[in-house]
Amino acid sequence: MTSADRLHAGWTAAQRARRSGAAANCHAETLLSPLPRHCHLVTVIDGHPATLSWLGGVAGHRTIALGVEQFGQTGTIGDLYRHYGIDTAGIVGAVSAMTEGARLAPVTG
């Protein structure tokens, strides 16, 4: 998605419209509607994880939000993504922790 802010604004506008009795749907609901409720979401952003954490509330999906919780560190993009767990290994680890059954093999370098 290109704008978490616009997506969230659409969701809150649809909620507001429904509270006042209007039929309303938003783009986030359309995107998530094909997913069964038992699906889990992992959101990843090169920004604060709260930016996308609300997506779990759209249709009641269990969600883990990954992102950058502190700012000011220096390093390569790879080093920083690894530090914040938003590299491939961090994402695979988050997915594995949210699912039942056999664990996914850890991803290395």
PDB file of N, CA and C in Angstrom:
ATOM      1  N   MET A   1       0.844  -1.162   0.000  1.00  0.00           N
ATOM      2  CA  MET A   1       0.000   0.000   0.000  1.00  0.00           C
ATOM      3  C   MET A   1       0.890   1.225   0.000  1.00  0.00           C
ATOM      4  N   THR A   2       0.419   2.291  -0.547  1.00  0.00           N
ATOM      5  CA  THR A   2       1.242   3.493  -0.643  1.00  0.00           C
ATOM      6  C   THR A   2       0.955   4.500   0.460  1.00  0.00           C
ATOM      7  N   SER A   3      -0.198   4.425   1.115  1.00  0.00           N
ATOM      8  CA  SER A   3      -0.516   5.384   2.162  1.00  0.00           C
ATOM      9  C   SER A   3      -1.318   4.728   3.275  1.00  0.00           C
ATOM     10  N   ALA A   4      -0.650   4.399   4.368  1.00  0.00           N
ATOM     11  CA  ALA A   4      -1.341   3.841   5.523  1.00  0.00           C
ATOM     12  C   ALA A   4      -2.329   4.858   6.077  1.00  0.00           C
ATOM     13  N   ASP A   5      -1.980   6.123   6.003  1.00  0.00           N
ATOM     14  CA  ASP A   5      -2.851   7.186   6.506  1.00  0.00           C
ATOM     15  C   ASP A   5      -4.172   7.233   5.742  1.00  0.00           C
ATOM     16  N   ARG A   6      -4.112   7.177   4.418  1.00  0.00           N
ATOM     17  CA  ARG A   6      -5.338   7.221   3.596  1.00  0.00           C
ATOM     18  C   ARG A   6      -6.180   5.969   3.805  1.00  0.00           C
ATOM     19  N   LEU A   7      -5.515   4.816   3.935  1.00  0.00           N
ATOM     20  CA  LEU A   7      -6.235   3.572   4.170  1.00  0.00           C
ATOM     21  C   LEU A   7      -6.969   3.628   5.514  1.00  0.00           C
ATOM     22  N   HIS A   8      -6.286   4.123   6.541  1.00  0.00           N
ATOM     23  CA  HIS A   8      -6.889   4.246   7.866  1.00  0.00           C
ATOM     24  C   HIS A   8      -8.017   5.279   7.861  1.00  0.00           C
ATOM     25  N   ALA A   9      -7.816   6.376   7.158  1.00  0.00           N
ATOM     26  CA  ALA A   9      -8.865   7.405   7.078  1.00  0.00           C
ATOM     27  C   ALA A   9     -10.136   6.836   6.451  1.00  0.00           C
ATOM     28  N   GLY A  10      -9.982   5.999   5.436  1.00  0.00           N
ATOM     29  CA  GLY A  10     -11.140   5.367   4.818  1.00  0.00           C
ATOM     30  C   GLY A  10     -11.857   4.429   5.769  1.00  0.00           C
ATOM     31  N   TRP A  11     -11.080   3.686   6.561  1.00  0.00           N
ATOM     32  CA  TRP A  11     -11.680   2.762   7.524  1.00  0.00           C
ATOM     33  C   TRP A  11     -12.448   3.512   8.602  1.00  0.00           C
ATOM     34  N   THR A  12     -11.849   4.569   9.144  1.00  0.00           N
ATOM     35  CA  THR A  12     -12.554   5.322  10.184  1.00  0.00           C
ATOM     36  C   THR A  12     -13.775   6.038   9.611  1.00  0.00           C
ATOM     37  N   ALA A  13     -13.697   6.501   8.378  1.00  0.00           N
ATOM     38  CA  ALA A  13     -14.862   7.139   7.751  1.00  0.00           C
ATOM     39  C   ALA A  13     -15.997   6.134   7.567  1.00  0.00           C
ATOM     40  N   ALA A  14     -15.665   4.919   7.157  1.00  0.00           N
ATOM     41  CA  ALA A  14     -16.691   3.883   6.994  1.00  0.00           C
ATOM     42  C   ALA A  14     -17.315   3.528   8.338  1.00  0.00           C
ATOM     43  N   GLN A  15     -16.519   3.427   9.376  1.00  0.00           N
ATOM     44  CA  GLN A  15     -17.046   3.141  10.706  1.00  0.00           C
ATOM     45  C   GLN A  15     -17.997   4.246  11.160  1.00  0.00           C
ATOM     46  N   ARG A  16     -17.575   5.475  10.946  1.00  0.00           N
ATOM     47  CA  ARG A  16     -18.389   6.631  11.323  1.00  0.00           C
ATOM     48  C   ARG A  16     -19.720   6.618  10.578  1.00  0.00           C
ATOM     49  N   ALA A  17     -19.670   6.330   9.289  1.00  0.00           N
ATOM     50  CA  ALA A  17     -20.886   6.283   8.474  1.00  0.00           C
ATOM     51  C   ALA A  17     -21.824   5.183   8.961  1.00  0.00           C
ATOM     52  N   ARG A  18     -21.274   4.022   9.303  1.00  0.00           N
ATOM     53  CA  ARG A  18     -22.111   2.925   9.800  1.00  0.00           C
ATOM     54  C   ARG A  18     -22.751   3.262  11.134  1.00  0.00           C
ATOM     55  N   ARG A  19     -22.021   3.977  11.987  1.00  0.00           N
ATOM     56  CA  ARG A  19     -22.601   4.384  13.281  1.00  0.00           C
ATOM     57  C   ARG A  19     -23.800   5.301  13.099  1.00  0.00           C
ATOM     58  N   SER A  20     -23.795   6.043  12.019  1.00  0.00           N
ATOM     59  CA  SER A  20     -24.928   6.947  11.768  1.00  0.00           C
ATOM     60  C   SER A  20     -25.995   6.290  10.878  1.00  0.00           C
ATOM     61  N   GLY A  21     -25.859   4.985  10.654  1.00  0.00           N
ATOM     62  CA  GLY A  21     -26.896   4.249   9.945  1.00  0.00           C
ATOM     63  C   GLY A  21     -26.690   4.052   8.456  1.00  0.00           C
ATOM     64  N   ALA A  22     -25.655   4.590   7.900  1.00  0.00           N
ATOM     65  CA  ALA A  22     -25.402   4.453   6.462  1.00  0.00           C
ATOM     66  C   ALA A  22     -24.703   3.125   6.169  1.00  0.00           C
ATOM     67  N   ALA A  23     -24.925   2.608   4.992  1.00  0.00           N
ATOM     68  CA  ALA A  23     -24.181   1.439   4.535  1.00  0.00           C
ATOM     69  C   ALA A  23     -22.847   1.941   3.994  1.00  0.00           C
ATOM     70  N   ALA A  24     -21.761   1.392   4.504  1.00  0.00           N
ATOM     71  CA  ALA A  24     -20.447   1.874   4.066  1.00  0.00           C
ATOM     72  C   ALA A  24     -19.461   0.727   4.079  1.00  0.00           C
ATOM     73  N   ASN A  25     -18.510   0.799   3.187  1.00  0.00           N
ATOM     74  CA  ASN A  25     -17.422  -0.160   3.101  1.00  0.00           C
ATOM     75  C   ASN A  25     -16.173   0.631   2.742  1.00  0.00           C
ATOM     76  N   CYS A  26     -15.020   0.130   3.123  1.00  0.00           N
ATOM     77  CA  CYS A  26     -13.775   0.826   2.810  1.00  0.00           C
ATOM     78  C   CYS A  26     -12.822  -0.111   2.079  1.00  0.00           C
ATOM     79  N   HIS A  27     -11.764   0.454   1.562  1.00  0.00           N
ATOM     80  CA  HIS A  27     -10.790  -0.308   0.787  1.00  0.00           C
ATOM     81  C   HIS A  27     -10.115  -1.388   1.634  1.00  0.00           C
ATOM     82  N   ALA A  28      -9.795  -1.083   2.895  1.00  0.00           N
ATOM     83  CA  ALA A  28      -9.154  -2.079   3.762  1.00  0.00           C
ATOM     84  C   ALA A  28     -10.071  -3.285   3.948  1.00  0.00           C
ATOM     85  N   GLU A  29     -11.356  -3.052   4.103  1.00  0.00           N
ATOM     86  CA  GLU A  29     -12.311  -4.157   4.244  1.00  0.00           C
ATOM     87  C   GLU A  29     -12.371  -4.977   2.958  1.00  0.00           C
ATOM     88  N   THR A  30     -12.337  -4.315   1.829  1.00  0.00           N
ATOM     89  CA  THR A  30     -12.346  -5.012   0.542  1.00  0.00           C
ATOM     90  C   THR A  30     -11.093  -5.872   0.392  1.00  0.00           C
ATOM     91  N   LEU A  31      -9.940  -5.327   0.769  1.00  0.00           N
ATOM     92  CA  LEU A  31      -8.688  -6.075   0.651  1.00  0.00           C
ATOM     93  C   LEU A  31      -8.664  -7.303   1.555  1.00  0.00           C
ATOM     94  N   LEU A  32      -9.208  -7.177   2.764  1.00  0.00           N
ATOM     95  CA  LEU A  32      -9.121  -8.258   3.737  1.00  0.00           C
ATOM     96  C   LEU A  32     -10.307  -9.215   3.682  1.00  0.00           C
ATOM     97  N   SER A  33     -11.344  -8.865   2.954  1.00  0.00           N
ATOM     98  CA  SER A  33     -12.560  -9.688   2.948  1.00  0.00           C
ATOM     99  C   SER A  33     -12.359 -11.120   2.441  1.00  0.00           C
ATOM    100  N   PRO A  34     -11.443 -11.388   1.505  1.00  0.00           N
ATOM    101  CA  PRO A  34     -11.271 -12.786   1.074  1.00  0.00           C
ATOM    102  C   PRO A  34     -10.611 -13.675   2.132  1.00  0.00           C
ATOM    103  N   LEU A  35      -9.999 -13.082   3.140  1.00  0.00           N
ATOM    104  CA  LEU A  35      -9.273 -13.869   4.140  1.00  0.00           C
ATOM    105  C   LEU A  35     -10.217 -14.414   5.201  1.00  0.00           C
ATOM    106  N   PRO A  36     -10.161 -15.710   5.473  1.00  0.00           N
ATOM    107  CA  PRO A  36     -10.963 -16.250   6.573  1.00  0.00           C
ATOM    108  C   PRO A  36     -10.537 -15.602   7.887  1.00  0.00           C
ATOM    109  N   ARG A  37     -11.452 -15.548   8.819  1.00  0.00           N
ATOM    110  CA  ARG A  37     -11.183 -14.879  10.089  1.00  0.00           C
ATOM    111  C   ARG A  37     -10.043 -15.540  10.868  1.00  0.00           C
ATOM    112  N   HIS A  38      -9.796 -16.824  10.646  1.00  0.00           N
ATOM    113  CA  HIS A  38      -8.730 -17.508  11.388  1.00  0.00           C
ATOM    114  C   HIS A  38      -7.335 -17.195  10.836  1.00  0.00           C
ATOM    115  N   CYS A  39      -7.247 -16.481   9.730  1.00  0.00           N
ATOM    116  CA  CYS A  39      -5.935 -16.102   9.183  1.00  0.00           C
ATOM    117  C   CYS A  39      -5.243 -15.123  10.130  1.00  0.00           C
ATOM    118  N   HIS A  40      -3.944 -15.170  10.112  1.00  0.00           N
ATOM    119  CA  HIS A  40      -3.140 -14.243  10.909  1.00  0.00           C
ATOM    120  C   HIS A  40      -2.486 -13.242   9.963  1.00  0.00           C
ATOM    121  N   LEU A  41      -2.319 -12.019  10.439  1.00  0.00           N
ATOM    122  CA  LEU A  41      -1.655 -10.982   9.646  1.00  0.00           C
ATOM    123  C   LEU A  41      -0.317 -10.637  10.275  1.00  0.00           C
ATOM    124  N   VAL A  42       0.673 -10.457   9.438  1.00  0.00           N
ATOM    125  CA  VAL A  42       1.945  -9.889   9.872  1.00  0.00           C
ATOM    126  C   VAL A  42       2.137  -8.640   9.029  1.00  0.00           C
ATOM    127  N   THR A  43       2.157  -7.484   9.692  1.00  0.00           N
ATOM    128  CA  THR A  43       2.388  -6.241   8.965  1.00  0.00           C
ATOM    129  C   THR A  43       3.844  -5.841   9.146  1.00  0.00           C
ATOM    130  N   VAL A  44       4.420  -5.281   8.112  1.00  0.00           N
ATOM    131  CA  VAL A  44       5.839  -4.895   8.131  1.00  0.00           C
ATOM    132  C   VAL A  44       5.954  -3.509   7.523  1.00  0.00           C
ATOM    133  N   ILE A  45       6.627  -2.624   8.245  1.00  0.00           N
ATOM    134  CA  ILE A  45       6.810  -1.259   7.745  1.00  0.00           C
ATOM    135  C   ILE A  45       8.170  -0.731   8.191  1.00  0.00           C
ATOM    136  N   ASP A  46       8.774   0.049   7.331  1.00  0.00           N
ATOM    137  CA  ASP A  46      10.010   0.753   7.682  1.00  0.00           C
ATOM    138  C   ASP A  46       9.581   2.058   8.351  1.00  0.00           C
ATOM    139  N   GLY A  47       8.937   1.912   9.479  1.00  0.00           N
ATOM    140  CA  GLY A  47       8.365   2.998  10.265  1.00  0.00           C
ATOM    141  C   GLY A  47       7.824   2.375  11.537  1.00  0.00           C
ATOM    142  N   HIS A  48       7.062   3.144  12.315  1.00  0.00           N
ATOM    143  CA  HIS A  48       6.558   2.621  13.586  1.00  0.00           C
ATOM    144  C   HIS A  48       5.517   1.538  13.339  1.00  0.00           C
ATOM    145  N   PRO A  49       5.602   0.405  14.064  1.00  0.00           N
ATOM    146  CA  PRO A  49       4.676  -0.707  13.827  1.00  0.00           C
ATOM    147  C   PRO A  49       3.211  -0.356  14.079  1.00  0.00           C
ATOM    148  N   ALA A  50       2.942   0.622  14.919  1.00  0.00           N
ATOM    149  CA  ALA A  50       1.554   1.016  15.177  1.00  0.00           C
ATOM    150  C   ALA A  50       0.877   1.569  13.924  1.00  0.00           C
ATOM    151  N   THR A  51       1.667   2.002  12.966  1.00  0.00           N
ATOM    152  CA  THR A  51       1.129   2.554  11.723  1.00  0.00           C
ATOM    153  C   THR A  51       0.219   1.569  11.009  1.00  0.00           C
ATOM    154  N   LEU A  52       0.527   0.275  11.102  1.00  0.00           N
ATOM    155  CA  LEU A  52      -0.266  -0.747  10.425  1.00  0.00           C
ATOM    156  C   LEU A  52      -0.951  -1.718  11.381  1.00  0.00           C
ATOM    157  N   SER A  53      -0.722  -1.603  12.668  1.00  0.00           N
ATOM    158  CA  SER A  53      -1.259  -2.577  13.621  1.00  0.00           C
ATOM    159  C   SER A  53      -2.781  -2.604  13.642  1.00  0.00           C
ATOM    160  N   TRP A  54      -3.419  -1.521  13.299  1.00  0.00           N
ATOM    161  CA  TRP A  54      -4.885  -1.431  13.292  1.00  0.00           C
ATOM    162  C   TRP A  54      -5.532  -2.354  12.272  1.00  0.00           C
ATOM    163  N   LEU A  55      -4.755  -2.825  11.265  1.00  0.00           N
ATOM    164  CA  LEU A  55      -5.332  -3.681  10.225  1.00  0.00           C
ATOM    165  C   LEU A  55      -5.975  -4.948  10.793  1.00  0.00           C
ATOM    166  N   GLY A  56      -5.482  -5.436  11.912  1.00  0.00           N
ATOM    167  CA  GLY A  56      -6.087  -6.612  12.528  1.00  0.00           C
ATOM    168  C   GLY A  56      -7.505  -6.355  13.008  1.00  0.00           C
ATOM    169  N   GLY A  57      -7.804  -5.118  13.336  1.00  0.00           N
ATOM    170  CA  GLY A  57      -9.134  -4.764  13.820  1.00  0.00           C
ATOM    171  C   GLY A  57     -10.171  -4.633  12.730  1.00  0.00           C
ATOM    172  N   VAL A  58      -9.755  -4.562  11.487  1.00  0.00           N
ATOM    173  CA  VAL A  58     -10.702  -4.381  10.386  1.00  0.00           C
ATOM    174  C   VAL A  58     -11.654  -5.567  10.303  1.00  0.00           C
ATOM    175  N   ALA A  59     -11.133  -6.777  10.364  1.00  0.00           N
ATOM    176  CA  ALA A  59     -11.974  -7.966  10.252  1.00  0.00           C
ATOM    177  C   ALA A  59     -11.713  -8.967  11.376  1.00  0.00           C
ATOM    178  N   GLY A  60     -11.022  -8.535  12.427  1.00  0.00           N
ATOM    179  CA  GLY A  60     -10.796  -9.390  13.580  1.00  0.00           C
ATOM    180  C   GLY A  60      -9.704 -10.426  13.422  1.00  0.00           C
ATOM    181  N   HIS A  61      -8.700 -10.126  12.614  1.00  0.00           N
ATOM    182  CA  HIS A  61      -7.583 -11.058  12.442  1.00  0.00           C
ATOM    183  C   HIS A  61      -6.540 -10.843  13.537  1.00  0.00           C
ATOM    184  N   ARG A  62      -5.990 -11.951  14.027  1.00  0.00           N
ATOM    185  CA  ARG A  62      -4.862 -11.854  14.955  1.00  0.00           C
ATOM    186  C   ARG A  62      -3.694 -11.255  14.171  1.00  0.00           C
ATOM    187  N   THR A  63      -3.027 -10.280  14.780  1.00  0.00           N
ATOM    188  CA  THR A  63      -2.011  -9.526  14.041  1.00  0.00           C
ATOM    189  C   THR A  63      -0.763  -9.311  14.883  1.00  0.00           C
ATOM    190  N   ILE A  64       0.383  -9.382  14.215  1.00  0.00           N
ATOM    191  CA  ILE A  64       1.628  -8.921  14.815  1.00  0.00           C
ATOM    192  C   ILE A  64       2.173  -7.846  13.887  1.00  0.00           C
ATOM    193  N   ALA A  65       2.509  -6.721  14.469  1.00  0.00           N
ATOM    194  CA  ALA A  65       2.993  -5.581  13.694  1.00  0.00           C
ATOM    195  C   ALA A  65       4.491  -5.425  13.911  1.00  0.00           C
ATOM    196  N   LEU A  66       5.234  -5.472  12.824  1.00  0.00           N
ATOM    197  CA  LEU A  66       6.689  -5.309  12.879  1.00  0.00           C
ATOM    198  C   LEU A  66       7.051  -3.942  12.322  1.00  0.00           C
ATOM    199  N   GLY A  67       8.074  -3.342  12.904  1.00  0.00           N
ATOM    200  CA  GLY A  67       8.524  -2.049  12.415  1.00  0.00           C
ATOM    201  C   GLY A  67       9.635  -1.493  13.285  1.00  0.00           C
ATOM    202  N   VAL A  68       9.920  -0.250  13.080  1.00  0.00           N
ATOM    203  CA  VAL A  68      11.018   0.445  13.753  1.00  0.00           C
ATOM    204  C   VAL A  68      10.454   1.198  14.962  1.00  0.00           C
ATOM    205  N   GLU A  69      10.844   0.772  16.162  1.00  0.00           N
ATOM    206  CA  GLU A  69      10.290   1.366  17.375  1.00  0.00           C
ATOM    207  C   GLU A  69      11.149   2.478  17.963  1.00  0.00           C
ATOM    208  N   GLN A  70      12.382   2.582  17.532  1.00  0.00           N
ATOM    209  CA  GLN A  70      13.260   3.651  17.991  1.00  0.00           C
ATOM    210  C   GLN A  70      13.954   4.232  16.776  1.00  0.00           C
ATOM    211  N   PHE A  71      14.301   5.480  16.869  1.00  0.00           N
ATOM    212  CA  PHE A  71      14.929   6.135  15.732  1.00  0.00           C
ATOM    213  C   PHE A  71      16.261   6.734  16.161  1.00  0.00           C
ATOM    214  N   GLY A  72      17.155   6.895  15.209  1.00  0.00           N
ATOM    215  CA  GLY A  72      18.435   7.523  15.468  1.00  0.00           C
ATOM    216  C   GLY A  72      19.625   6.596  15.291  1.00  0.00           C
ATOM    217  N   GLN A  73      19.381   5.299  15.124  1.00  0.00           N
ATOM    218  CA  GLN A  73      20.478   4.367  14.929  1.00  0.00           C
ATOM    219  C   GLN A  73      21.060   4.544  13.531  1.00  0.00           C
ATOM    220  N   THR A  74      22.302   4.164  13.404  1.00  0.00           N
ATOM    221  CA  THR A  74      22.939   4.229  12.096  1.00  0.00           C
ATOM    222  C   THR A  74      23.442   2.854  11.710  1.00  0.00           C
ATOM    223  N   GLY A  75      23.516   2.616  10.430  1.00  0.00           N
ATOM    224  CA  GLY A  75      24.008   1.360   9.910  1.00  0.00           C
ATOM    225  C   GLY A  75      23.484   1.174   8.509  1.00  0.00           C
ATOM    226  N   THR A  76      23.819   0.056   7.918  1.00  0.00           N
ATOM    227  CA  THR A  76      23.293  -0.232   6.596  1.00  0.00           C
ATOM    228  C   THR A  76      21.811  -0.589   6.732  1.00  0.00           C
ATOM    229  N   ILE A  77      21.087  -0.537   5.646  1.00  0.00           N
ATOM    230  CA  ILE A  77      19.679  -0.911   5.690  1.00  0.00           C
ATOM    231  C   ILE A  77      19.547  -2.353   6.178  1.00  0.00           C
ATOM    232  N   GLY A  78      20.381  -3.240   5.663  1.00  0.00           N
ATOM    233  CA  GLY A  78      20.335  -4.635   6.093  1.00  0.00           C
ATOM    234  C   GLY A  78      20.562  -4.791   7.585  1.00  0.00           C
ATOM    235  N   ASP A  79      21.566  -4.080   8.112  1.00  0.00           N
ATOM    236  CA  ASP A  79      21.853  -4.144   9.550  1.00  0.00           C
ATOM    237  C   ASP A  79      20.683  -3.633  10.372  1.00  0.00           C
ATOM    238  N   LEU A  80      20.098  -2.520   9.943  1.00  0.00           N
ATOM    239  CA  LEU A  80      18.988  -1.930  10.697  1.00  0.00           C
ATOM    240  C   LEU A  80      17.730  -2.793  10.603  1.00  0.00           C
ATOM    241  N   TYR A  81      17.443  -3.321   9.435  1.00  0.00           N
ATOM    242  CA  TYR A  81      16.281  -4.204   9.298  1.00  0.00           C
ATOM    243  C   TYR A  81      16.449  -5.443  10.176  1.00  0.00           C
ATOM    244  N   ARG A  82      17.647  -5.993  10.220  1.00  0.00           N
ATOM    245  CA  ARG A  82      17.926  -7.150  11.071  1.00  0.00           C
ATOM    246  C   ARG A  82      17.742  -6.765  12.543  1.00  0.00           C
ATOM    247  N   HIS A  83      18.246  -5.609  12.935  1.00  0.00           N
ATOM    248  CA  HIS A  83      18.142  -5.134  14.313  1.00  0.00           C
ATOM    249  C   HIS A  83      16.678  -5.021  14.751  1.00  0.00           C
ATOM    250  N   TYR A  84      15.823  -4.531  13.874  1.00  0.00           N
ATOM    251  CA  TYR A  84      14.410  -4.328  14.207  1.00  0.00           C
ATOM    252  C   TYR A  84      13.517  -5.512  13.850  1.00  0.00           C
ATOM    253  N   GLY A  85      14.098  -6.573  13.305  1.00  0.00           N
ATOM    254  CA  GLY A  85      13.321  -7.764  12.989  1.00  0.00           C
ATOM    255  C   GLY A  85      12.404  -7.602  11.796  1.00  0.00           C
ATOM    256  N   ILE A  86      12.775  -6.702  10.876  1.00  0.00           N
ATOM    257  CA  ILE A  86      11.965  -6.534   9.666  1.00  0.00           C
ATOM    258  C   ILE A  86      12.713  -7.022   8.423  1.00  0.00           C
ATOM    259  N   ASP A  87      13.727  -7.822   8.652  1.00  0.00           N
ATOM    260  CA  ASP A  87      14.408  -8.494   7.542  1.00  0.00           C
ATOM    261  C   ASP A  87      13.700  -9.830   7.299  1.00  0.00           C
ATOM    262  N   THR A  88      14.153 -10.573   6.329  1.00  0.00           N
ATOM    263  CA  THR A  88      13.509 -11.846   5.997  1.00  0.00           C
ATOM    264  C   THR A  88      13.444 -12.773   7.205  1.00  0.00           C
ATOM    265  N   ALA A  89      14.542 -12.900   7.935  1.00  0.00           N
ATOM    266  CA  ALA A  89      14.569 -13.799   9.091  1.00  0.00           C
ATOM    267  C   ALA A  89      13.575 -13.352  10.158  1.00  0.00           C
ATOM    268  N   GLY A  90      13.462 -12.073  10.394  1.00  0.00           N
ATOM    269  CA  GLY A  90      12.523 -11.559  11.392  1.00  0.00           C
ATOM    270  C   GLY A  90      11.078 -11.800  11.000  1.00  0.00           C
ATOM    271  N   ILE A  91      10.780 -11.601   9.722  1.00  0.00           N
ATOM    272  CA  ILE A  91       9.414 -11.818   9.237  1.00  0.00           C
ATOM    273  C   ILE A  91       9.061 -13.301   9.308  1.00  0.00           C
ATOM    274  N   VAL A  92       9.966 -14.167   8.857  1.00  0.00           N
ATOM    275  CA  VAL A  92       9.722 -15.610   8.921  1.00  0.00           C
ATOM    276  C   VAL A  92       9.551 -16.046  10.380  1.00  0.00           C
ATOM    277  N   GLY A  93      10.344 -15.508  11.269  1.00  0.00           N
ATOM    278  CA  GLY A  93      10.218 -15.834  12.694  1.00  0.00           C
ATOM    279  C   GLY A  93       8.874 -15.410  13.261  1.00  0.00           C
ATOM    280  N   ALA A  94       8.394 -14.227  12.867  1.00  0.00           N
ATOM    281  CA  ALA A  94       7.086 -13.753  13.334  1.00  0.00           C
ATOM    282  C   ALA A  94       5.965 -14.639  12.817  1.00  0.00           C
ATOM    283  N   VAL A  95       6.039 -15.014  11.550  1.00  0.00           N
ATOM    284  CA  VAL A  95       5.030 -15.898  10.960  1.00  0.00           C
ATOM    285  C   VAL A  95       5.048 -17.239  11.672  1.00  0.00           C
ATOM    286  N   SER A  96       6.228 -17.787  11.886  1.00  0.00           N
ATOM    287  CA  SER A  96       6.355 -19.094  12.534  1.00  0.00           C
ATOM    288  C   SER A  96       5.799 -19.060  13.954  1.00  0.00           C
ATOM    289  N   ALA A  97       6.027 -17.982  14.667  1.00  0.00           N
ATOM    290  CA  ALA A  97       5.543 -17.862  16.043  1.00  0.00           C
ATOM    291  C   ALA A  97       4.022 -17.750  16.114  1.00  0.00           C
ATOM    292  N   MET A  98       3.381 -17.302  15.042  1.00  0.00           N
ATOM    293  CA  MET A  98       1.931 -17.115  15.049  1.00  0.00           C
ATOM    294  C   MET A  98       1.169 -18.335  14.561  1.00  0.00           C
ATOM    295  N   THR A  99       1.847 -19.311  14.025  1.00  0.00           N
ATOM    296  CA  THR A  99       1.151 -20.442  13.424  1.00  0.00           C
ATOM    297  C   THR A  99       1.341 -21.699  14.253  1.00  0.00           C
ATOM    298  N   GLU A 100       0.370 -22.576  14.163  1.00  0.00           N
ATOM    299  CA  GLU A 100       0.446 -23.861  14.858  1.00  0.00           C
ATOM    300  C   GLU A 100       1.202 -24.854  13.981  1.00  0.00           C
ATOM    301  N   GLY A 101       1.623 -25.935  14.583  1.00  0.00           N
ATOM    302  CA  GLY A 101       2.284 -26.973  13.808  1.00  0.00           C
ATOM    303  C   GLY A 101       3.782 -26.794  13.784  1.00  0.00           C
ATOM    304  N   ALA A 102       4.378 -27.438  12.828  1.00  0.00           N
ATOM    305  CA  ALA A 102       5.841 -27.403  12.712  1.00  0.00           C
ATOM    306  C   ALA A 102       6.337 -25.985  12.493  1.00  0.00           C
ATOM    307  N   ARG A 103       7.410 -25.649  13.125  1.00  0.00           N
ATOM    308  CA  ARG A 103       8.019 -24.337  12.977  1.00  0.00           C
ATOM    309  C   ARG A 103       8.739 -24.241  11.634  1.00  0.00           C
ATOM    310  N   LEU A 104       8.736 -23.061  11.065  1.00  0.00           N
ATOM    311  CA  LEU A 104       9.483 -22.826   9.836  1.00  0.00           C
ATOM    312  C   LEU A 104      10.963 -22.840  10.156  1.00  0.00           C
ATOM    313  N   ALA A 105      11.762 -23.288   9.232  1.00  0.00           N
ATOM    314  CA  ALA A 105      13.203 -23.276   9.434  1.00  0.00           C
ATOM    315  C   ALA A 105      13.688 -21.833   9.484  1.00  0.00           C
ATOM    316  N   PRO A 106      14.570 -21.518  10.432  1.00  0.00           N
ATOM    317  CA  PRO A 106      15.109 -20.158  10.512  1.00  0.00           C
ATOM    318  C   PRO A 106      15.813 -19.784   9.212  1.00  0.00           C
ATOM    319  N   VAL A 107      15.718 -18.529   8.860  1.00  0.00           N
ATOM    320  CA  VAL A 107      16.393 -18.020   7.668  1.00  0.00           C
ATOM    321  C   VAL A 107      17.712 -17.428   8.112  1.00  0.00           C
ATOM    322  N   THR A 108      18.771 -17.782   7.412  1.00  0.00           N
ATOM    323  CA  THR A 108      20.081 -17.230   7.733  1.00  0.00           C
ATOM    324  C   THR A 108      20.618 -16.464   6.540  1.00  0.00           C
ATOM    325  N   GLY A 109      21.451 -15.467   6.880  1.00  0.00           N
ATOM    326  CA  GLY A 109      22.119 -14.594   5.966  1.00  0.00           C
ATOM    327  C   GLY A 109      21.866 -14.772   4.578  1.00  0.00           C
TER     328      GLY A 109
END
